[in-house]
Amino acid sequence: FRIKRASEIKENEGKDPKKVIEKTDNYRRTYYKKY
């Protein structure tokens, strides 16, 4: 579901949506845990 949504987001044009999701989720989890 999120891959489909990510592929519709303009800033992700030309990017692999699955990789964008994995990277963003990973960064958010790390940030949340740290703070």
PDB file of all heavy atoms in Angstrom:
ATOM      1  N   PHE A   1       0.843  -1.201   0.000  1.00  0.00           N
ATOM      2  CA  PHE A   1       0.000   0.000   0.000  1.00  0.00           C
ATOM      3  C   PHE A   1       0.881   1.255   0.000  1.00  0.00           C
ATOM      4  O   PHE A   1       0.654   2.201  -0.747  1.00  0.00           O
ATOM      5  CB  PHE A   1      -0.913  -0.013   1.235  1.00  0.00           C
ATOM      6  CG  PHE A   1      -1.794   1.198   1.362  1.00  0.00           C
ATOM      7  CD1 PHE A   1      -3.008   1.277   0.690  1.00  0.00           C
ATOM      8  CD2 PHE A   1      -1.411   2.265   2.172  1.00  0.00           C
ATOM      9  CE1 PHE A   1      -3.828   2.394   0.820  1.00  0.00           C
ATOM     10  CE2 PHE A   1      -2.230   3.385   2.306  1.00  0.00           C
ATOM     11  CZ  PHE A   1      -3.438   3.454   1.618  1.00  0.00           C
ATOM     12  N   ARG A   2       1.912   1.246   0.829  1.00  0.00           N
ATOM     13  CA  ARG A   2       2.776   2.413   0.952  1.00  0.00           C
ATOM     14  C   ARG A   2       3.662   2.606  -0.280  1.00  0.00           C
ATOM     15  O   ARG A   2       3.965   3.729  -0.655  1.00  0.00           O
ATOM     16  CB  ARG A   2       3.608   2.333   2.233  1.00  0.00           C
ATOM     17  CG  ARG A   2       2.706   2.443   3.457  1.00  0.00           C
ATOM     18  CD  ARG A   2       3.457   2.663   4.745  1.00  0.00           C
ATOM     19  NE  ARG A   2       4.336   1.572   5.081  1.00  0.00           N
ATOM     20  CZ  ARG A   2       5.597   1.717   5.494  1.00  0.00           C
ATOM     21  NH1 ARG A   2       6.140   2.918   5.612  1.00  0.00           N
ATOM     22  NH2 ARG A   2       6.320   0.668   5.798  1.00  0.00           N
ATOM     23  N   ILE A   3       4.048   1.508  -0.913  1.00  0.00           N
ATOM     24  CA  ILE A   3       4.829   1.620  -2.154  1.00  0.00           C
ATOM     25  C   ILE A   3       4.008   2.335  -3.222  1.00  0.00           C
ATOM     26  O   ILE A   3       4.492   3.236  -3.911  1.00  0.00           O
ATOM     27  CB  ILE A   3       5.298   0.231  -2.651  1.00  0.00           C
ATOM     28  CG1 ILE A   3       6.428  -0.288  -1.753  1.00  0.00           C
ATOM     29  CG2 ILE A   3       5.747   0.292  -4.114  1.00  0.00           C
ATOM     30  CD1 ILE A   3       6.832  -1.729  -2.015  1.00  0.00           C
ATOM     31  N   LYS A   4       2.744   1.948  -3.336  1.00  0.00           N
ATOM     32  CA  LYS A   4       1.860   2.598  -4.305  1.00  0.00           C
ATOM     33  C   LYS A   4       1.735   4.087  -3.988  1.00  0.00           C
ATOM     34  O   LYS A   4       1.852   4.942  -4.864  1.00  0.00           O
ATOM     35  CB  LYS A   4       0.484   1.927  -4.296  1.00  0.00           C
ATOM     36  CG  LYS A   4      -0.488   2.483  -5.316  1.00  0.00           C
ATOM     37  CD  LYS A   4      -1.820   1.746  -5.253  1.00  0.00           C
ATOM     38  CE  LYS A   4      -2.812   2.253  -6.279  1.00  0.00           C
ATOM     39  NZ  LYS A   4      -3.100   3.676  -6.208  1.00  0.00           N
ATOM     40  N   ARG A   5       1.527   4.415  -2.727  1.00  0.00           N
ATOM     41  CA  ARG A   5       1.391   5.814  -2.318  1.00  0.00           C
ATOM     42  C   ARG A   5       2.687   6.576  -2.548  1.00  0.00           C
ATOM     43  O   ARG A   5       2.691   7.697  -3.066  1.00  0.00           O
ATOM     44  CB  ARG A   5       0.982   5.889  -0.840  1.00  0.00           C
ATOM     45  CG  ARG A   5       1.021   7.272  -0.245  1.00  0.00           C
ATOM     46  CD  ARG A   5       0.026   8.196  -0.903  1.00  0.00           C
ATOM     47  NE  ARG A   5       0.097   9.529  -0.304  1.00  0.00           N
ATOM     48  CZ  ARG A   5      -0.114  10.652  -0.971  1.00  0.00           C
ATOM     49  NH1 ARG A   5      -0.431  10.628  -2.234  1.00  0.00           N
ATOM     50  NH2 ARG A   5      -0.028  11.817  -0.360  1.00  0.00           N
ATOM     51  N   ALA A   6       3.824   6.000  -2.169  1.00  0.00           N
ATOM     52  CA  ALA A   6       5.124   6.667  -2.325  1.00  0.00           C
ATOM     53  C   ALA A   6       5.419   6.974  -3.786  1.00  0.00           C
ATOM     54  O   ALA A   6       6.010   8.004  -4.107  1.00  0.00           O
ATOM     55  CB  ALA A   6       6.234   5.821  -1.718  1.00  0.00           C
ATOM     56  N   SER A   7       4.987   6.086  -4.683  1.00  0.00           N
ATOM     57  CA  SER A   7       5.238   6.300  -6.115  1.00  0.00           C
ATOM     58  C   SER A   7       4.410   7.462  -6.670  1.00  0.00           C
ATOM     59  O   SER A   7       4.723   8.004  -7.723  1.00  0.00           O
ATOM     60  CB  SER A   7       4.969   5.024  -6.905  1.00  0.00           C
ATOM     61  OG  SER A   7       3.590   4.713  -6.877  1.00  0.00           O
ATOM     62  N   GLU A   8       3.373   7.879  -5.945  1.00  0.00           N
ATOM     63  CA  GLU A   8       2.521   9.002  -6.365  1.00  0.00           C
ATOM     64  C   GLU A   8       3.027  10.351  -5.849  1.00  0.00           C
ATOM     65  O   GLU A   8       2.564  11.394  -6.292  1.00  0.00           O
ATOM     66  CB  GLU A   8       1.085   8.797  -5.859  1.00  0.00           C
ATOM     67  CG  GLU A   8       0.412   7.564  -6.411  1.00  0.00           C
ATOM     68  CD  GLU A   8      -0.865   7.185  -5.670  1.00  0.00           C
ATOM     69  OE1 GLU A   8      -1.177   7.811  -4.630  1.00  0.00           O
ATOM     70  OE2 GLU A   8      -1.542   6.255  -6.135  1.00  0.00           O
ATOM     71  N   ILE A   9       3.966  10.323  -4.921  1.00  0.00           N
ATOM     72  CA  ILE A   9       4.476  11.557  -4.315  1.00  0.00           C
ATOM     73  C   ILE A   9       5.529  12.167  -5.236  1.00  0.00           C
ATOM     74  O   ILE A   9       6.501  11.502  -5.618  1.00  0.00           O
ATOM     75  CB  ILE A   9       5.045  11.274  -2.905  1.00  0.00           C
ATOM     76  CG1 ILE A   9       3.937  10.745  -1.991  1.00  0.00           C
ATOM     77  CG2 ILE A   9       5.680  12.537  -2.313  1.00  0.00           C
ATOM     78  CD1 ILE A   9       4.417  10.249  -0.637  1.00  0.00           C
ATOM     79  N   LYS A  10       5.322  13.426  -5.587  1.00  0.00           N
ATOM     80  CA  LYS A  10       6.156  14.112  -6.579  1.00  0.00           C
ATOM     81  C   LYS A  10       7.650  14.049  -6.265  1.00  0.00           C
ATOM     82  O   LYS A  10       8.465  13.817  -7.153  1.00  0.00           O
ATOM     83  CB  LYS A  10       5.696  15.571  -6.706  1.00  0.00           C
ATOM     84  CG  LYS A  10       6.321  16.294  -7.854  1.00  0.00           C
ATOM     85  CD  LYS A  10       5.795  17.705  -7.994  1.00  0.00           C
ATOM     86  CE  LYS A  10       6.462  18.370  -9.188  1.00  0.00           C
ATOM     87  NZ  LYS A  10       6.038  19.734  -9.372  1.00  0.00           N
ATOM     88  N   GLU A  11       8.018  14.251  -5.008  1.00  0.00           N
ATOM     89  CA  GLU A  11       9.441  14.274  -4.637  1.00  0.00           C
ATOM     90  C   GLU A  11      10.139  12.920  -4.850  1.00  0.00           C
ATOM     91  O   GLU A  11      11.357  12.838  -4.833  1.00  0.00           O
ATOM     92  CB  GLU A  11       9.613  14.736  -3.188  1.00  0.00           C
ATOM     93  CG  GLU A  11       9.057  13.763  -2.170  1.00  0.00           C
ATOM     94  CD  GLU A  11       8.894  14.368  -0.789  1.00  0.00           C
ATOM     95  OE1 GLU A  11       8.476  15.528  -0.672  1.00  0.00           O
ATOM     96  OE2 GLU A  11       9.180  13.646   0.178  1.00  0.00           O
ATOM     97  N   ASN A  12       9.348  11.864  -5.066  1.00  0.00           N
ATOM     98  CA  ASN A  12       9.930  10.534  -5.273  1.00  0.00           C
ATOM     99  C   ASN A  12      10.058  10.158  -6.750  1.00  0.00           C
ATOM    100  O   ASN A  12      10.444   9.040  -7.067  1.00  0.00           O
ATOM    101  CB  ASN A  12       9.084   9.469  -4.568  1.00  0.00           C
ATOM    102  CG  ASN A  12       9.106   9.640  -3.072  1.00  0.00           C
ATOM    103  OD1 ASN A  12      10.058  10.190  -2.524  1.00  0.00           O
ATOM    104  ND2 ASN A  12       8.058   9.207  -2.408  1.00  0.00           N
ATOM    105  N   GLU A  13       9.746  11.097  -7.624  1.00  0.00           N
ATOM    106  CA  GLU A  13       9.800  10.833  -9.057  1.00  0.00           C
ATOM    107  C   GLU A  13      11.189  10.345  -9.454  1.00  0.00           C
ATOM    108  O   GLU A  13      12.201  10.941  -9.104  1.00  0.00           O
ATOM    109  CB  GLU A  13       9.477  12.133  -9.814  1.00  0.00           C
ATOM    110  CG  GLU A  13       8.789  11.899 -11.136  1.00  0.00           C
ATOM    111  CD  GLU A  13       8.270  13.206 -11.715  1.00  0.00           C
ATOM    112  OE1 GLU A  13       7.199  13.662 -11.269  1.00  0.00           O
ATOM    113  OE2 GLU A  13       8.957  13.753 -12.591  1.00  0.00           O
ATOM    114  N   GLY A  14      11.236   9.214 -10.169  1.00  0.00           N
ATOM    115  CA  GLY A  14      12.501   8.649 -10.621  1.00  0.00           C
ATOM    116  C   GLY A  14      13.237   7.841  -9.569  1.00  0.00           C
ATOM    117  O   GLY A  14      14.337   7.347  -9.809  1.00  0.00           O
ATOM    118  N   LYS A  15      12.663   7.697  -8.380  1.00  0.00           N
ATOM    119  CA  LYS A  15      13.301   6.932  -7.299  1.00  0.00           C
ATOM    120  C   LYS A  15      12.556   5.618  -7.092  1.00  0.00           C
ATOM    121  O   LYS A  15      11.383   5.507  -7.421  1.00  0.00           O
ATOM    122  CB  LYS A  15      13.282   7.722  -5.989  1.00  0.00           C
ATOM    123  CG  LYS A  15      14.045   9.024  -6.036  1.00  0.00           C
ATOM    124  CD  LYS A  15      13.895   9.754  -4.709  1.00  0.00           C
ATOM    125  CE  LYS A  15      14.537  11.125  -4.758  1.00  0.00           C
ATOM    126  NZ  LYS A  15      14.253  11.896  -3.543  1.00  0.00           N
ATOM    127  N   ASP A  16      13.241   4.649  -6.515  1.00  0.00           N
ATOM    128  CA  ASP A  16      12.613   3.380  -6.153  1.00  0.00           C
ATOM    129  C   ASP A  16      11.790   3.619  -4.880  1.00  0.00           C
ATOM    130  O   ASP A  16      12.363   3.878  -3.810  1.00  0.00           O
ATOM    131  CB  ASP A  16      13.691   2.326  -5.903  1.00  0.00           C
ATOM    132  CG  ASP A  16      13.140   0.969  -5.494  1.00  0.00           C
ATOM    133  OD1 ASP A  16      11.987   0.897  -5.015  1.00  0.00           O
ATOM    134  OD2 ASP A  16      13.873  -0.020  -5.634  1.00  0.00           O
ATOM    135  N   PRO A  17      10.443   3.561  -4.959  1.00  0.00           N
ATOM    136  CA  PRO A  17       9.612   3.892  -3.792  1.00  0.00           C
ATOM    137  C   PRO A  17       9.870   2.993  -2.584  1.00  0.00           C
ATOM    138  O   PRO A  17       9.815   3.449  -1.441  1.00  0.00           O
ATOM    139  CB  PRO A  17       8.176   3.771  -4.298  1.00  0.00           C
ATOM    140  CG  PRO A  17       8.251   3.021  -5.568  1.00  0.00           C
ATOM    141  CD  PRO A  17       9.633   3.206  -6.110  1.00  0.00           C
ATOM    142  N   LYS A  18      10.190   1.730  -2.831  1.00  0.00           N
ATOM    143  CA  LYS A  18      10.454   0.815  -1.716  1.00  0.00           C
ATOM    144  C   LYS A  18      11.694   1.255  -0.947  1.00  0.00           C
ATOM    145  O   LYS A  18      11.708   1.264   0.286  1.00  0.00           O
ATOM    146  CB  LYS A  18      10.620  -0.616  -2.225  1.00  0.00           C
ATOM    147  CG  LYS A  18      10.791  -1.627  -1.111  1.00  0.00           C
ATOM    148  CD  LYS A  18      10.902  -3.036  -1.615  1.00  0.00           C
ATOM    149  CE  LYS A  18      11.069  -4.002  -0.459  1.00  0.00           C
ATOM    150  NZ  LYS A  18      11.367  -5.356  -0.899  1.00  0.00           N
ATOM    151  N   LYS A  19      12.736   1.661  -1.675  1.00  0.00           N
ATOM    152  CA  LYS A  19      13.962   2.122  -1.016  1.00  0.00           C
ATOM    153  C   LYS A  19      13.730   3.431  -0.263  1.00  0.00           C
ATOM    154  O   LYS A  19      14.275   3.635   0.817  1.00  0.00           O
ATOM    155  CB  LYS A  19      15.089   2.290  -2.045  1.00  0.00           C
ATOM    156  CG  LYS A  19      15.639   0.962  -2.523  1.00  0.00           C
ATOM    157  CD  LYS A  19      16.794   1.134  -3.467  1.00  0.00           C
ATOM    158  CE  LYS A  19      17.309  -0.235  -3.892  1.00  0.00           C
ATOM    159  NZ  LYS A  19      18.301  -0.151  -4.964  1.00  0.00           N
ATOM    160  N   VAL A  20      12.925   4.316  -0.831  1.00  0.00           N
ATOM    161  CA  VAL A  20      12.598   5.580  -0.156  1.00  0.00           C
ATOM    162  C   VAL A  20      11.884   5.296   1.160  1.00  0.00           C
ATOM    163  O   VAL A  20      12.204   5.883   2.200  1.00  0.00           O
ATOM    164  CB  VAL A  20      11.724   6.486  -1.059  1.00  0.00           C
ATOM    165  CG1 VAL A  20      11.219   7.702  -0.280  1.00  0.00           C
ATOM    166  CG2 VAL A  20      12.491   6.929  -2.290  1.00  0.00           C
ATOM    167  N   ILE A  21      10.932   4.367   1.135  1.00  0.00           N
ATOM    168  CA  ILE A  21      10.190   3.990   2.343  1.00  0.00           C
ATOM    169  C   ILE A  21      11.126   3.409   3.393  1.00  0.00           C
ATOM    170  O   ILE A  21      11.101   3.826   4.557  1.00  0.00           O
ATOM    171  CB  ILE A  21       9.072   2.968   2.003  1.00  0.00           C
ATOM    172  CG1 ILE A  21       7.951   3.657   1.242  1.00  0.00           C
ATOM    173  CG2 ILE A  21       8.527   2.303   3.273  1.00  0.00           C
ATOM    174  CD1 ILE A  21       6.947   2.699   0.615  1.00  0.00           C
ATOM    175  N   GLU A  22      11.953   2.453   2.979  1.00  0.00           N
ATOM    176  CA  GLU A  22      12.861   1.802   3.926  1.00  0.00           C
ATOM    177  C   GLU A  22      13.807   2.816   4.570  1.00  0.00           C
ATOM    178  O   GLU A  22      14.000   2.812   5.789  1.00  0.00           O
ATOM    179  CB  GLU A  22      13.653   0.698   3.219  1.00  0.00           C
ATOM    180  CG  GLU A  22      12.800  -0.512   2.875  1.00  0.00           C
ATOM    181  CD  GLU A  22      13.493  -1.500   1.949  1.00  0.00           C
ATOM    182  OE1 GLU A  22      14.600  -1.210   1.435  1.00  0.00           O
ATOM    183  OE2 GLU A  22      12.902  -2.589   1.710  1.00  0.00           O
ATOM    184  N   LYS A  23      14.374   3.694   3.753  1.00  0.00           N
ATOM    185  CA  LYS A  23      15.320   4.688   4.266  1.00  0.00           C
ATOM    186  C   LYS A  23      14.616   5.678   5.203  1.00  0.00           C
ATOM    187  O   LYS A  23      15.089   5.941   6.312  1.00  0.00           O
ATOM    188  CB  LYS A  23      15.955   5.442   3.092  1.00  0.00           C
ATOM    189  CG  LYS A  23      16.967   6.479   3.510  1.00  0.00           C
ATOM    190  CD  LYS A  23      17.568   7.159   2.285  1.00  0.00           C
ATOM    191  CE  LYS A  23      18.529   8.255   2.686  1.00  0.00           C
ATOM    192  NZ  LYS A  23      19.078   8.954   1.512  1.00  0.00           N
ATOM    193  N   THR A  24      13.475   6.208   4.777  1.00  0.00           N
ATOM    194  CA  THR A  24      12.760   7.205   5.590  1.00  0.00           C
ATOM    195  C   THR A  24      12.284   6.602   6.906  1.00  0.00           C
ATOM    196  O   THR A  24      12.446   7.206   7.966  1.00  0.00           O
ATOM    197  CB  THR A  24      11.579   7.799   4.801  1.00  0.00           C
ATOM    198  OG1 THR A  24      12.062   8.297   3.553  1.00  0.00           O
ATOM    199  CG2 THR A  24      10.917   8.929   5.571  1.00  0.00           C
ATOM    200  N   ASP A  25      11.694   5.406   6.842  1.00  0.00           N
ATOM    201  CA  ASP A  25      11.242   4.742   8.073  1.00  0.00           C
ATOM    202  C   ASP A  25      12.408   4.481   9.025  1.00  0.00           C
ATOM    203  O   ASP A  25      12.297   4.689  10.232  1.00  0.00           O
ATOM    204  CB  ASP A  25      10.540   3.420   7.756  1.00  0.00           C
ATOM    205  CG  ASP A  25       9.104   3.596   7.304  1.00  0.00           C
ATOM    206  OD1 ASP A  25       8.571   4.720   7.368  1.00  0.00           O
ATOM    207  OD2 ASP A  25       8.502   2.588   6.877  1.00  0.00           O
ATOM    208  N   ASN A  26      13.530   4.032   8.470  1.00  0.00           N
ATOM    209  CA  ASN A  26      14.708   3.739   9.284  1.00  0.00           C
ATOM    210  C   ASN A  26      15.213   5.010   9.974  1.00  0.00           C
ATOM    211  O   ASN A  26      15.499   5.012  11.178  1.00  0.00           O
ATOM    212  CB  ASN A  26      15.799   3.125   8.403  1.00  0.00           C
ATOM    213  CG  ASN A  26      16.937   2.538   9.214  1.00  0.00           C
ATOM    214  OD1 ASN A  26      16.780   2.173  10.367  1.00  0.00           O
ATOM    215  ND2 ASN A  26      18.101   2.452   8.597  1.00  0.00           N
ATOM    216  N   TYR A  27      15.293   6.107   9.226  1.00  0.00           N
ATOM    217  CA  TYR A  27      15.748   7.375   9.790  1.00  0.00           C
ATOM    218  C   TYR A  27      14.783   7.870  10.865  1.00  0.00           C
ATOM    219  O   TYR A  27      15.201   8.358  11.915  1.00  0.00           O
ATOM    220  CB  TYR A  27      15.886   8.429   8.699  1.00  0.00           C
ATOM    221  CG  TYR A  27      17.152   8.313   7.863  1.00  0.00           C
ATOM    222  CD1 TYR A  27      18.016   7.232   7.965  1.00  0.00           C
ATOM    223  CD2 TYR A  27      17.485   9.301   6.954  1.00  0.00           C
ATOM    224  CE1 TYR A  27      19.153   7.126   7.204  1.00  0.00           C
ATOM    225  CE2 TYR A  27      18.633   9.219   6.179  1.00  0.00           C
ATOM    226  CZ  TYR A  27      19.470   8.141   6.305  1.00  0.00           C
ATOM    227  OH  TYR A  27      20.606   8.057   5.549  1.00  0.00           O
ATOM    228  N   ARG A  28      13.481   7.766  10.600  1.00  0.00           N
ATOM    229  CA  ARG A  28      12.490   8.229  11.584  1.00  0.00           C
ATOM    230  C   ARG A  28      12.552   7.398  12.858  1.00  0.00           C
ATOM    231  O   ARG A  28      12.452   7.932  13.964  1.00  0.00           O
ATOM    232  CB  ARG A  28      11.080   8.178  10.988  1.00  0.00           C
ATOM    233  CG  ARG A  28      10.797   9.305  10.035  1.00  0.00           C
ATOM    234  CD  ARG A  28       9.380   9.217   9.496  1.00  0.00           C
ATOM    235  NE  ARG A  28       9.109  10.300   8.560  1.00  0.00           N
ATOM    236  CZ  ARG A  28       8.023  10.374   7.813  1.00  0.00           C
ATOM    237  NH1 ARG A  28       7.095   9.426   7.886  1.00  0.00           N
ATOM    238  NH2 ARG A  28       7.848  11.376   6.989  1.00  0.00           N
ATOM    239  N   ARG A  29      12.695   6.076  12.713  1.00  0.00           N
ATOM    240  CA  ARG A  29      12.785   5.207  13.896  1.00  0.00           C
ATOM    241  C   ARG A  29      14.005   5.563  14.743  1.00  0.00           C
ATOM    242  O   ARG A  29      13.935   5.643  15.963  1.00  0.00           O
ATOM    243  CB  ARG A  29      12.860   3.733  13.478  1.00  0.00           C
ATOM    244  CG  ARG A  29      11.538   3.102  13.145  1.00  0.00           C
ATOM    245  CD  ARG A  29      11.641   1.591  13.023  1.00  0.00           C
ATOM    246  NE  ARG A  29      12.566   1.165  11.993  1.00  0.00           N
ATOM    247  CZ  ARG A  29      12.237   0.940  10.723  1.00  0.00           C
ATOM    248  NH1 ARG A  29      10.992   1.094  10.314  1.00  0.00           N
ATOM    249  NH2 ARG A  29      13.144   0.551   9.856  1.00  0.00           N
ATOM    250  N   THR A  30      15.135   5.773  14.058  1.00  0.00           N
ATOM    251  CA  THR A  30      16.376   6.104  14.758  1.00  0.00           C
ATOM    252  C   THR A  30      16.248   7.442  15.475  1.00  0.00           C
ATOM    253  O   THR A  30      16.651   7.592  16.636  1.00  0.00           O
ATOM    254  CB  THR A  30      17.562   6.131  13.767  1.00  0.00           C
ATOM    255  OG1 THR A  30      17.624   4.860  13.106  1.00  0.00           O
ATOM    256  CG2 THR A  30      18.875   6.398  14.470  1.00  0.00           C
ATOM    257  N   TYR A  31      15.676   8.418  14.794  1.00  0.00           N
ATOM    258  CA  TYR A  31      15.476   9.758  15.354  1.00  0.00           C
ATOM    259  C   TYR A  31      14.574   9.695  16.586  1.00  0.00           C
ATOM    260  O   TYR A  31      14.888  10.263  17.637  1.00  0.00           O
ATOM    261  CB  TYR A  31      14.842  10.638  14.267  1.00  0.00           C
ATOM    262  CG  TYR A  31      14.666  12.087  14.626  1.00  0.00           C
ATOM    263  CD1 TYR A  31      15.697  12.998  14.453  1.00  0.00           C
ATOM    264  CD2 TYR A  31      13.450  12.559  15.114  1.00  0.00           C
ATOM    265  CE1 TYR A  31      15.531  14.346  14.760  1.00  0.00           C
ATOM    266  CE2 TYR A  31      13.279  13.904  15.422  1.00  0.00           C
ATOM    267  CZ  TYR A  31      14.321  14.789  15.245  1.00  0.00           C
ATOM    268  OH  TYR A  31      14.138  16.108  15.555  1.00  0.00           O
ATOM    269  N   TYR A  32      13.459   8.992  16.462  1.00  0.00           N
ATOM    270  CA  TYR A  32      12.498   8.868  17.560  1.00  0.00           C
ATOM    271  C   TYR A  32      13.153   8.196  18.769  1.00  0.00           C
ATOM    272  O   TYR A  32      13.001   8.638  19.910  1.00  0.00           O
ATOM    273  CB  TYR A  32      11.285   8.070  17.083  1.00  0.00           C
ATOM    274  CG  TYR A  32      10.087   8.106  17.984  1.00  0.00           C
ATOM    275  CD1 TYR A  32       9.156   9.136  17.903  1.00  0.00           C
ATOM    276  CD2 TYR A  32       9.856   7.098  18.912  1.00  0.00           C
ATOM    277  CE1 TYR A  32       8.023   9.167  18.719  1.00  0.00           C
ATOM    278  CE2 TYR A  32       8.734   7.114  19.735  1.00  0.00           C
ATOM    279  CZ  TYR A  32       7.827   8.146  19.632  1.00  0.00           C
ATOM    280  OH  TYR A  32       6.712   8.169  20.444  1.00  0.00           O
ATOM    281  N   LYS A  33      13.888   7.125  18.513  1.00  0.00           N
ATOM    282  CA  LYS A  33      14.552   6.391  19.591  1.00  0.00           C
ATOM    283  C   LYS A  33      15.602   7.270  20.287  1.00  0.00           C
ATOM    284  O   LYS A  33      15.687   7.312  21.516  1.00  0.00           O
ATOM    285  CB  LYS A  33      15.215   5.123  19.031  1.00  0.00           C
ATOM    286  CG  LYS A  33      15.898   4.252  20.059  1.00  0.00           C
ATOM    287  CD  LYS A  33      14.895   3.553  20.923  1.00  0.00           C
ATOM    288  CE  LYS A  33      15.553   2.495  21.781  1.00  0.00           C
ATOM    289  NZ  LYS A  33      14.580   1.743  22.560  1.00  0.00           N
ATOM    290  N   LYS A  34      16.372   8.004  19.483  1.00  0.00           N
ATOM    291  CA  LYS A  34      17.431   8.846  20.046  1.00  0.00           C
ATOM    292  C   LYS A  34      16.853   9.925  20.962  1.00  0.00           C
ATOM    293  O   LYS A  34      17.383  10.174  22.041  1.00  0.00           O
ATOM    294  CB  LYS A  34      18.242   9.515  18.930  1.00  0.00           C
ATOM    295  CG  LYS A  34      19.266  10.506  19.456  1.00  0.00           C
ATOM    296  CD  LYS A  34      20.082  11.115  18.368  1.00  0.00           C
ATOM    297  CE  LYS A  34      21.011  12.211  18.845  1.00  0.00           C
ATOM    298  NZ  LYS A  34      21.609  12.077  20.134  1.00  0.00           N
ATOM    299  N   TYR A  35      15.766  10.567  20.533  1.00  0.00           N
ATOM    300  CA  TYR A  35      15.263  11.710  21.291  1.00  0.00           C
ATOM    301  C   TYR A  35      14.148  11.386  22.286  1.00  0.00           C
ATOM    302  O   TYR A  35      13.787  12.234  23.097  1.00  0.00           O
ATOM    303  CB  TYR A  35      14.822  12.821  20.336  1.00  0.00           C
ATOM    304  CG  TYR A  35      16.021  13.449  19.652  1.00  0.00           C
ATOM    305  CD1 TYR A  35      16.264  13.257  18.308  1.00  0.00           C
ATOM    306  CD2 TYR A  35      16.945  14.198  20.382  1.00  0.00           C
ATOM    307  CE1 TYR A  35      17.380  13.808  17.693  1.00  0.00           C
ATOM    308  CE2 TYR A  35      18.063  14.742  19.786  1.00  0.00           C
ATOM    309  CZ  TYR A  35      18.277  14.547  18.438  1.00  0.00           C
ATOM    310  OH  TYR A  35      19.395  15.079  17.848  1.00  0.00           O
TER     311      TYR A  35
END
